[in-house]
C-alpha atoms as a PDB file:
ATOM      1  CA  UNK A   1     -22.116 -41.943  25.131  1.00  0.00           C
ATOM      2  CA  UNK A   2     -19.785 -44.246  23.558  1.00  0.00           C
ATOM      3  CA  UNK A   3     -19.902 -45.883  19.908  1.00  0.00           C
ATOM      4  CA  UNK A   4     -18.446 -48.685  18.464  1.00  0.00           C
ATOM      5  CA  UNK A   5     -18.756 -50.573  15.299  1.00  0.00           C
ATOM      6  CA  UNK A   6     -18.533 -54.077  14.800  1.00  0.00           C
ATOM      7  CA  UNK A   7     -18.121 -55.981  11.323  1.00  0.00           C
ATOM      8  CA  UNK A   8     -19.070 -59.378  10.710  1.00  0.00           C
ATOM      9  CA  UNK A   9     -21.568 -58.299  13.424  1.00  0.00           C
ATOM     10  CA  UNK A  10     -24.878 -60.765  12.871  1.00  0.00           C
ATOM     11  CA  UNK A  11     -23.329 -64.303  13.964  1.00  0.00           C
ATOM     12  CA  UNK A  12     -20.690 -65.567  15.757  1.00  0.00           C
ATOM     13  CA  UNK A  13     -17.798 -63.836  17.732  1.00  0.00           C
ATOM     14  CA  UNK A  14     -19.236 -60.417  15.960  1.00  0.00           C
ATOM     15  CA  UNK A  15     -22.717 -60.305  17.846  1.00  0.00           C
ATOM     16  CA  UNK A  16     -21.001 -61.619  21.118  1.00  0.00           C
ATOM     17  CA  UNK A  17     -19.157 -58.476  20.629  1.00  0.00           C
ATOM     18  CA  UNK A  18     -22.324 -56.232  19.889  1.00  0.00           C
ATOM     19  CA  UNK A  19     -24.232 -58.100  23.119  1.00  0.00           C
ATOM     20  CA  UNK A  20     -21.669 -57.046  25.119  1.00  0.00           C
ATOM     21  CA  UNK A  21     -21.108 -53.621  24.331  1.00  0.00           C
ATOM     22  CA  UNK A  22     -24.520 -53.098  24.080  1.00  0.00           C
ATOM     23  CA  UNK A  23     -25.098 -54.328  27.626  1.00  0.00           C
ATOM     24  CA  UNK A  24     -22.300 -51.997  28.424  1.00  0.00           C
ATOM     25  CA  UNK A  25     -24.159 -48.925  27.282  1.00  0.00           C
ATOM     26  CA  UNK A  26     -22.302 -48.655  24.109  1.00  0.00           C
ATOM     27  CA  UNK A  27     -23.983 -47.359  21.365  1.00  0.00           C
ATOM     28  CA  UNK A  28     -23.343 -49.763  18.204  1.00  0.00           C
ATOM     29  CA  UNK A  29     -22.464 -49.181  14.211  1.00  0.00           C
ATOM     30  CA  UNK A  30     -23.779 -53.193  13.110  1.00  0.00           C
ATOM     31  CA  UNK A  31     -21.952 -53.844   9.914  1.00  0.00           C
ATOM     32  CA  UNK A  32     -22.356 -56.951   7.603  1.00  0.00           C
ATOM     33  CA  UNK A  33     -24.150 -57.936   4.324  1.00  0.00           C
ATOM     34  CA  UNK A  34     -27.570 -58.709   5.207  1.00  0.00           C
ATOM     35  CA  UNK A  35     -29.865 -55.861   5.821  1.00  0.00           C
ATOM     36  CA  UNK A  36     -32.864 -57.832   7.307  1.00  0.00           C
ATOM     37  CA  UNK A  37     -30.515 -59.820   9.959  1.00  0.00           C
ATOM     38  CA  UNK A  38     -28.626 -56.149  10.708  1.00  0.00           C
ATOM     39  CA  UNK A  39     -32.285 -54.531  11.295  1.00  0.00           C
ATOM     40  CA  UNK A  40     -33.827 -57.775  13.432  1.00  0.00           C
ATOM     41  CA  UNK A  41     -30.055 -57.422  15.840  1.00  0.00           C
ATOM     42  CA  UNK A  42     -30.333 -53.775  15.870  1.00  0.00           C
ATOM     43  CA  UNK A  43     -34.080 -53.398  17.268  1.00  0.00           C
ATOM     44  CA  UNK A  44     -33.594 -56.331  19.476  1.00  0.00           C
ATOM     45  CA  UNK A  45     -30.111 -54.874  21.232  1.00  0.00           C
ATOM     46  CA  UNK A  46     -32.067 -51.277  21.006  1.00  0.00           C
ATOM     47  CA  UNK A  47     -35.335 -53.101  23.093  1.00  0.00           C
ATOM     48  CA  UNK A  48     -33.184 -55.279  25.579  1.00  0.00           C
ATOM     49  CA  UNK A  49     -30.471 -52.581  26.246  1.00  0.00           C
ATOM     50  CA  UNK A  50     -31.923 -49.264  25.470  1.00  0.00           C
ATOM     51  CA  UNK A  51     -28.773 -48.262  23.102  1.00  0.00           C
ATOM     52  CA  UNK A  52     -28.300 -46.872  19.875  1.00  0.00           C
ATOM     53  CA  UNK A  53     -27.695 -49.466  17.149  1.00  0.00           C
ATOM     54  CA  UNK A  54     -27.051 -48.491  13.664  1.00  0.00           C
ATOM     55  CA  UNK A  55     -27.344 -50.470  10.765  1.00  0.00           C
ATOM     56  CA  UNK A  56     -24.538 -50.379   7.685  1.00  0.00           C
ATOM     57  CA  UNK A  57     -25.390 -52.898   5.304  1.00  0.00           C
ATOM     58  CA  UNK A  58     -21.569 -53.197   3.670  1.00  0.00           C
ATOM     59  CA  UNK A  59     -19.413 -56.190   1.481  1.00  0.00           C
ATOM     60  CA  UNK A  60     -16.010 -55.973   2.894  1.00  0.00           C
ATOM     61  CA  UNK A  61     -14.769 -57.686  -0.122  1.00  0.00           C
ATOM     62  CA  UNK A  62     -15.964 -55.371  -2.659  1.00  0.00           C
ATOM     63  CA  UNK A  63     -14.397 -51.695  -2.646  1.00  0.00           C
ATOM     64  CA  UNK A  64     -17.226 -49.718  -2.367  1.00  0.00           C
ATOM     65  CA  UNK A  65     -18.207 -52.165   1.065  1.00  0.00           C
ATOM     66  CA  UNK A  66     -14.758 -51.031   2.450  1.00  0.00           C
ATOM     67  CA  UNK A  67     -14.863 -47.536   1.185  1.00  0.00           C
ATOM     68  CA  UNK A  68     -18.710 -47.011   3.046  1.00  0.00           C
ATOM     69  CA  UNK A  69     -16.928 -48.293   6.808  1.00  0.00           C
ATOM     70  CA  UNK A  70     -14.091 -46.078   6.259  1.00  0.00           C
ATOM     71  CA  UNK A  71     -16.233 -43.104   5.544  1.00  0.00           C
ATOM     72  CA  UNK A  72     -18.357 -43.882   8.817  1.00  0.00           C
ATOM     73  CA  UNK A  73     -14.949 -44.229  10.511  1.00  0.00           C
ATOM     74  CA  UNK A  74     -14.001 -41.008   9.898  1.00  0.00           C
ATOM     75  CA  UNK A  75     -17.115 -39.344  10.134  1.00  0.00           C
ATOM     76  CA  UNK A  76     -16.049 -36.174  12.473  1.00  0.00           C
ATOM     77  CA  UNK A  77     -20.273 -35.479  13.391  1.00  0.00           C
ATOM     78  CA  UNK A  78     -20.559 -39.086  14.779  1.00  0.00           C
ATOM     79  CA  UNK A  79     -16.955 -40.639  16.378  1.00  0.00           C
ATOM     80  CA  UNK A  80     -16.390 -44.223  17.218  1.00  0.00           C
ATOM     81  CA  UNK A  81     -14.497 -45.017  20.154  1.00  0.00           C
ATOM     82  CA  UNK A  82     -14.022 -48.818  19.170  1.00  0.00           C
ATOM     83  CA  UNK A  83     -13.604 -50.667  16.252  1.00  0.00           C
ATOM     84  CA  UNK A  84     -13.671 -54.467  16.121  1.00  0.00           C
ATOM     85  CA  UNK A  85     -12.675 -55.767  13.015  1.00  0.00           C
ATOM     86  CA  UNK A  86     -14.526 -59.242  12.829  1.00  0.00           C
ATOM     87  CA  UNK A  87     -15.672 -60.101   9.649  1.00  0.00           C
ATOM     88  CA  UNK A  88     -14.093 -63.008   8.094  1.00  0.00           C
ATOM     89  CA  UNK A  89     -14.431 -66.493   6.663  1.00  0.00           C
ATOM     90  CA  UNK A  90     -12.566 -69.885   5.751  1.00  0.00           C
ATOM     91  CA  UNK A  91     -12.169 -71.625   2.634  1.00  0.00           C
ATOM     92  CA  UNK A  92     -12.648 -75.453   2.917  1.00  0.00           C
ATOM     93  CA  UNK A  93      -9.904 -77.563   0.896  1.00  0.00           C
ATOM     94  CA  UNK A  94      -6.214 -77.618   0.547  1.00  0.00           C
ATOM     95  CA  UNK A  95      -3.970 -74.970  -1.313  1.00  0.00           C
ATOM     96  CA  UNK A  96      -4.246 -74.975  -5.607  1.00  0.00           C
ATOM     97  CA  UNK A  97      -7.800 -76.856  -4.614  1.00  0.00           C
ATOM     98  CA  UNK A  98      -9.202 -73.322  -3.634  1.00  0.00           C
ATOM     99  CA  UNK A  99     -10.312 -71.577  -6.735  1.00  0.00           C
ATOM    100  CA  UNK A 100      -7.972 -68.340  -6.725  1.00  0.00           C
ATOM    101  CA  UNK A 101     -10.758 -65.438  -6.303  1.00  0.00           C
ATOM    102  CA  UNK A 102     -12.047 -67.042  -3.452  1.00  0.00           C
ATOM    103  CA  UNK A 103      -8.339 -66.874  -2.087  1.00  0.00           C
ATOM    104  CA  UNK A 104      -7.821 -63.124  -3.145  1.00  0.00           C
ATOM    105  CA  UNK A 105     -11.094 -62.536  -1.348  1.00  0.00           C
ATOM    106  CA  UNK A 106     -10.016 -63.641   1.575  1.00  0.00           C
ATOM    107  CA  UNK A 107      -7.262 -61.560   1.236  1.00  0.00           C
ATOM    108  CA  UNK A 108      -9.235 -58.315   0.809  1.00  0.00           C
ATOM    109  CA  UNK A 109     -11.727 -59.161   3.519  1.00  0.00           C
ATOM    110  CA  UNK A 110      -8.887 -60.313   6.042  1.00  0.00           C
ATOM    111  CA  UNK A 111      -5.802 -58.204   5.158  1.00  0.00           C
ATOM    112  CA  UNK A 112      -7.018 -54.962   2.759  1.00  0.00           C
ATOM    113  CA  UNK A 113     -10.008 -54.123   4.758  1.00  0.00           C
ATOM    114  CA  UNK A 114      -8.398 -54.520   8.303  1.00  0.00           C
ATOM    115  CA  UNK A 115      -5.496 -52.300   7.133  1.00  0.00           C
ATOM    116  CA  UNK A 116      -8.362 -49.750   5.884  1.00  0.00           C
ATOM    117  CA  UNK A 117     -10.508 -49.732   8.475  1.00  0.00           C
ATOM    118  CA  UNK A 118      -7.850 -49.696  11.323  1.00  0.00           C
ATOM    119  CA  UNK A 119      -6.401 -46.748   9.512  1.00  0.00           C
ATOM    120  CA  UNK A 120      -9.813 -44.795   9.375  1.00  0.00           C
ATOM    121  CA  UNK A 121     -10.219 -45.565  12.873  1.00  0.00           C
ATOM    122  CA  UNK A 122      -7.401 -45.017  14.311  1.00  0.00           C
ATOM    123  CA  UNK A 123      -6.529 -41.655  12.578  1.00  0.00           C
ATOM    124  CA  UNK A 124      -9.726 -40.173  13.680  1.00  0.00           C
ATOM    125  CA  UNK A 125      -8.574 -41.663  17.194  1.00  0.00           C
ATOM    126  CA  UNK A 126      -5.507 -40.443  17.394  1.00  0.00           C
ATOM    127  CA  UNK A 127      -7.071 -36.984  17.101  1.00  0.00           C
ATOM    128  CA  UNK A 128      -9.096 -37.039  19.807  1.00  0.00           C
ATOM    129  CA  UNK A 129      -6.552 -38.720  22.055  1.00  0.00           C
ATOM    130  CA  UNK A 130      -8.444 -41.945  23.162  1.00  0.00           C
ATOM    131  CA  UNK A 131      -9.964 -45.022  21.378  1.00  0.00           C
ATOM    132  CA  UNK A 132      -9.538 -48.567  20.952  1.00  0.00           C
ATOM    133  CA  UNK A 133      -9.300 -51.220  17.640  1.00  0.00           C
ATOM    134  CA  UNK A 134      -9.344 -55.190  18.200  1.00  0.00           C
ATOM    135  CA  UNK A 135      -8.258 -56.548  14.712  1.00  0.00           C
ATOM    136  CA  UNK A 136      -9.897 -60.806  15.012  1.00  0.00           C
ATOM    137  CA  UNK A 137      -7.394 -63.314  13.996  1.00  0.00           C
ATOM    138  CA  UNK A 138      -6.805 -66.724  14.972  1.00  0.00           C
ATOM    139  CA  UNK A 139      -4.399 -69.157  16.943  1.00  0.00           C
ATOM    140  CA  UNK A 140      -4.189 -70.434  13.255  1.00  0.00           C
ATOM    141  CA  UNK A 141      -1.966 -67.896  12.523  1.00  0.00           C
ATOM    142  CA  UNK A 142       0.419 -69.190  14.568  1.00  0.00           C
ATOM    143  CA  UNK A 143       0.960 -72.376  12.495  1.00  0.00           C
ATOM    144  CA  UNK A 144       1.523 -73.377   8.937  1.00  0.00           C
ATOM    145  CA  UNK A 145      -2.438 -73.290   7.266  1.00  0.00           C
ATOM    146  CA  UNK A 146      -2.121 -71.576   3.813  1.00  0.00           C
ATOM    147  CA  UNK A 147      -4.339 -68.445   3.197  1.00  0.00           C
ATOM    148  CA  UNK A 148      -5.997 -68.481   5.899  1.00  0.00           C
ATOM    149  CA  UNK A 149      -3.384 -68.941   8.327  1.00  0.00           C
ATOM    150  CA  UNK A 150      -1.178 -66.607   6.421  1.00  0.00           C
ATOM    151  CA  UNK A 151      -3.685 -63.717   6.560  1.00  0.00           C
ATOM    152  CA  UNK A 152      -4.563 -64.025  10.354  1.00  0.00           C
ATOM    153  CA  UNK A 153      -0.830 -63.818  10.962  1.00  0.00           C
ATOM    154  CA  UNK A 154      -0.553 -60.999   8.997  1.00  0.00           C
ATOM    155  CA  UNK A 155      -3.641 -59.289  11.140  1.00  0.00           C
ATOM    156  CA  UNK A 156      -1.373 -60.100  14.399  1.00  0.00           C
ATOM    157  CA  UNK A 157       1.840 -58.666  13.094  1.00  0.00           C
ATOM    158  CA  UNK A 158       0.136 -55.744  11.226  1.00  0.00           C
ATOM    159  CA  UNK A 159      -1.580 -54.620  14.844  1.00  0.00           C
ATOM    160  CA  UNK A 160       1.100 -55.362  17.319  1.00  0.00           C
ATOM    161  CA  UNK A 161       3.367 -53.156  15.175  1.00  0.00           C
ATOM    162  CA  UNK A 162       0.504 -50.708  14.985  1.00  0.00           C
ATOM    163  CA  UNK A 163       0.251 -50.569  18.746  1.00  0.00           C
ATOM    164  CA  UNK A 164       3.656 -49.661  19.287  1.00  0.00           C
ATOM    165  CA  UNK A 165       3.743 -46.801  16.077  1.00  0.00           C
ATOM    166  CA  UNK A 166       0.487 -45.559  18.426  1.00  0.00           C
ATOM    167  CA  UNK A 167       2.134 -45.617  21.858  1.00  0.00           C
ATOM    168  CA  UNK A 168       1.320 -42.783  24.193  1.00  0.00           C
ATOM    169  CA  UNK A 169      -1.388 -41.318  21.055  1.00  0.00           C
ATOM    170  CA  UNK A 170      -4.386 -42.699  23.473  1.00  0.00           C
ATOM    171  CA  UNK A 171      -5.403 -45.744  20.849  1.00  0.00           C
ATOM    172  CA  UNK A 172      -5.437 -48.932  22.027  1.00  0.00           C
ATOM    173  CA  UNK A 173      -4.620 -51.832  19.337  1.00  0.00           C
ATOM    174  CA  UNK A 174      -5.071 -55.743  19.955  1.00  0.00           C
ATOM    175  CA  UNK A 175      -5.122 -58.690  18.184  1.00  0.00           C
ATOM    176  CA  UNK A 176      -7.587 -61.365  19.174  1.00  0.00           C
ATOM    177  CA  UNK A 177      -6.537 -64.851  18.632  1.00  0.00           C
ATOM    178  CA  UNK A 178      -9.540 -67.165  19.645  1.00  0.00           C
ATOM    179  CA  UNK A 179      -9.420 -71.013  19.136  1.00  0.00           C
ATOM    180  CA  UNK A 180     -12.235 -72.892  17.814  1.00  0.00           C
ATOM    181  CA  UNK A 181     -15.631 -71.229  18.716  1.00  0.00           C
ATOM    182  CA  UNK A 182     -18.857 -72.701  18.418  1.00  0.00           C
ATOM    183  CA  UNK A 183     -20.776 -70.499  15.691  1.00  0.00           C
ATOM    184  CA  UNK A 184     -21.812 -70.444  12.416  1.00  0.00           C
ATOM    185  CA  UNK A 185     -18.208 -69.895  10.805  1.00  0.00           C
ATOM    186  CA  UNK A 186     -17.325 -73.382  10.180  1.00  0.00           C
ATOM    187  CA  UNK A 187     -20.726 -74.192   8.578  1.00  0.00           C
ATOM    188  CA  UNK A 188     -20.484 -71.433   6.106  1.00  0.00           C
ATOM    189  CA  UNK A 189     -17.537 -72.758   4.820  1.00  0.00           C
ATOM    190  CA  UNK A 190     -18.551 -76.764   4.339  1.00  0.00           C
ATOM    191  CA  UNK A 191     -15.761 -78.040   7.144  1.00  0.00           C
ATOM    192  CA  UNK A 192     -15.934 -81.006   8.737  1.00  0.00           C
ATOM    193  CA  UNK A 193     -15.769 -80.328  12.702  1.00  0.00           C
ATOM    194  CA  UNK A 194     -16.496 -83.866  13.840  1.00  0.00           C
ATOM    195  CA  UNK A 195     -13.349 -84.497  14.847  1.00  0.00           C
ATOM    196  CA  UNK A 196     -12.327 -81.843  17.399  1.00  0.00           C
ATOM    197  CA  UNK A 197     -12.721 -82.728  20.760  1.00  0.00           C
ATOM    198  CA  UNK A 198     -15.013 -81.136  22.853  1.00  0.00           C
ATOM    199  CA  UNK A 199     -12.386 -79.329  25.020  1.00  0.00           C
ATOM    200  CA  UNK A 200     -10.905 -77.370  22.698  1.00  0.00           C
ATOM    201  CA  UNK A 201     -14.717 -76.034  21.844  1.00  0.00           C
ATOM    202  CA  UNK A 202     -14.919 -72.167  22.958  1.00  0.00           C
ATOM    203  CA  UNK A 203     -18.315 -70.215  24.007  1.00  0.00           C
ATOM    204  CA  UNK A 204     -18.163 -66.746  22.371  1.00  0.00           C
ATOM    205  CA  UNK A 205     -19.681 -64.702  25.002  1.00  0.00           C
ATOM    206  CA  UNK A 206     -17.117 -66.138  27.699  1.00  0.00           C
ATOM    207  CA  UNK A 207     -14.444 -65.639  24.810  1.00  0.00           C
ATOM    208  CA  UNK A 208     -15.224 -61.825  24.273  1.00  0.00           C
ATOM    209  CA  UNK A 209     -15.747 -60.983  28.023  1.00  0.00           C
ATOM    210  CA  UNK A 210     -12.308 -62.068  28.207  1.00  0.00           C
ATOM    211  CA  UNK A 211     -11.122 -60.235  25.359  1.00  0.00           C
ATOM    212  CA  UNK A 212     -12.306 -56.815  26.729  1.00  0.00           C
ATOM    213  CA  UNK A 213     -10.396 -57.594  29.939  1.00  0.00           C
ATOM    214  CA  UNK A 214      -6.843 -57.873  27.645  1.00  0.00           C
ATOM    215  CA  UNK A 215      -8.341 -54.814  26.039  1.00  0.00           C
ATOM    216  CA  UNK A 216      -8.404 -52.646  29.142  1.00  0.00           C
ATOM    217  CA  UNK A 217      -5.105 -53.885  30.302  1.00  0.00           C
ATOM    218  CA  UNK A 218      -3.684 -52.593  27.424  1.00  0.00           C
ATOM    219  CA  UNK A 219      -2.472 -56.204  26.224  1.00  0.00           C
ATOM    220  CA  UNK A 220      -1.675 -56.070  22.246  1.00  0.00           C
ATOM    221  CA  UNK A 221      -2.643 -59.900  21.541  1.00  0.00           C
ATOM    222  CA  UNK A 222      -5.404 -61.507  23.428  1.00  0.00           C
ATOM    223  CA  UNK A 223      -5.721 -65.317  23.510  1.00  0.00           C
ATOM    224  CA  UNK A 224      -8.471 -65.720  25.810  1.00  0.00           C
ATOM    225  CA  UNK A 225      -8.573 -68.797  27.177  1.00  0.00           C
ATOM    226  CA  UNK A 226      -5.808 -70.612  29.245  1.00  0.00           C
ATOM    227  CA  UNK A 227      -5.982 -73.991  26.674  1.00  0.00           C
ATOM    228  CA  UNK A 228      -4.817 -72.296  23.753  1.00  0.00           C
ATOM    229  CA  UNK A 229      -2.457 -70.152  25.697  1.00  0.00           C
ATOM    230  CA  UNK A 230      -0.733 -73.358  26.082  1.00  0.00           C
ATOM    231  CA  UNK A 231      -1.299 -74.497  22.788  1.00  0.00           C
ATOM    232  CA  UNK A 232       0.226 -71.321  21.316  1.00  0.00           C
ATOM    233  CA  UNK A 233       2.851 -71.680  23.890  1.00  0.00           C
ATOM    234  CA  UNK A 234       3.826 -75.124  22.406  1.00  0.00           C
ATOM    235  CA  UNK A 235       3.530 -74.184  18.951  1.00  0.00           C
ATOM    236  CA  UNK A 236       6.123 -71.358  18.841  1.00  0.00           C
ATOM    237  CA  UNK A 237       9.038 -74.174  20.289  1.00  0.00           C
ATOM    238  CA  UNK A 238       7.961 -76.843  17.849  1.00  0.00           C
ATOM    239  CA  UNK A 239       9.558 -77.486  14.736  1.00  0.00           C
ATOM    240  CA  UNK A 240       8.391 -76.111  11.749  1.00  0.00           C
ATOM    241  CA  UNK A 241       8.692 -79.036   9.984  1.00  0.00           C
ATOM    242  CA  UNK A 242       6.658 -81.015  12.581  1.00  0.00           C
ATOM    243  CA  UNK A 243       3.370 -78.406  12.541  1.00  0.00           C
ATOM    244  CA  UNK A 244       3.324 -78.612   8.628  1.00  0.00           C
ATOM    245  CA  UNK A 245       2.890 -82.260   8.918  1.00  0.00           C
ATOM    246  CA  UNK A 246      -0.235 -81.776  11.023  1.00  0.00           C
ATOM    247  CA  UNK A 247      -1.744 -79.131   9.362  1.00  0.00           C
ATOM    248  CA  UNK A 248      -1.554 -80.461   5.821  1.00  0.00           C
ATOM    249  CA  UNK A 249      -3.345 -83.969   7.776  1.00  0.00           C
ATOM    250  CA  UNK A 250      -5.761 -82.075   9.611  1.00  0.00           C
ATOM    251  CA  UNK A 251      -5.786 -78.304   9.761  1.00  0.00           C
ATOM    252  CA  UNK A 252      -7.046 -77.997   5.737  1.00  0.00           C
ATOM    253  CA  UNK A 253     -10.391 -80.076   6.836  1.00  0.00           C
ATOM    254  CA  UNK A 254     -11.481 -77.458   9.270  1.00  0.00           C
ATOM    255  CA  UNK A 255      -9.428 -74.623  11.585  1.00  0.00           C
ATOM    256  CA  UNK A 256      -9.764 -72.603  14.288  1.00  0.00           C
ATOM    257  CA  UNK A 257     -11.630 -69.538  13.917  1.00  0.00           C
END
């Protein structure tokens, strides 16, 4: 039986990945900061799907947290076959309104943790010549959106570059770019989403199902909804100056996951 490790596993997209992978018969390593919530989730998934669900409490904004997950991914006795780098958060406010400490923490979680965990997982997977990594980014990667958008753009570029370097190794790499998803993400950041049209919201379970299909197809970039695929195409054609104006008026107040 294969094993998947999911960061940010207790809510939103991470929890949807956990549900889907458990239903498919994968054992799980669930990573988040809240131990009690992790234990409840692990027990529920074990009881419902009869899989093994391991709990790993780790704060990926700290050196200790990243190192503990690196060690688990590198353990040859308990190999991980799929890594889902999902942990992330948003900051409310425009550039220079957000404390620098919070901006640096975002880079730690969105970039350094993703880099190090991907490297740990892919190195072990390459030796076994099989495995997969899904790095959760955002459609915000395609527009000027300050530190959040920049960090997610880095995730996309890094993942696709690593996928090219690992071609033929048996290790699949994919960046997942969701739009607005009905999760705790915006509430936790204190973001007002009242002006977001209803048609832009996605269901986390459907998003994960499409992402898993794209991973199986060997895609290195997944934008799991026709609406957002069309929007991403338009964003690539729009002048950068026009995009900057739109995001400065609205995108700082709320943004896609």
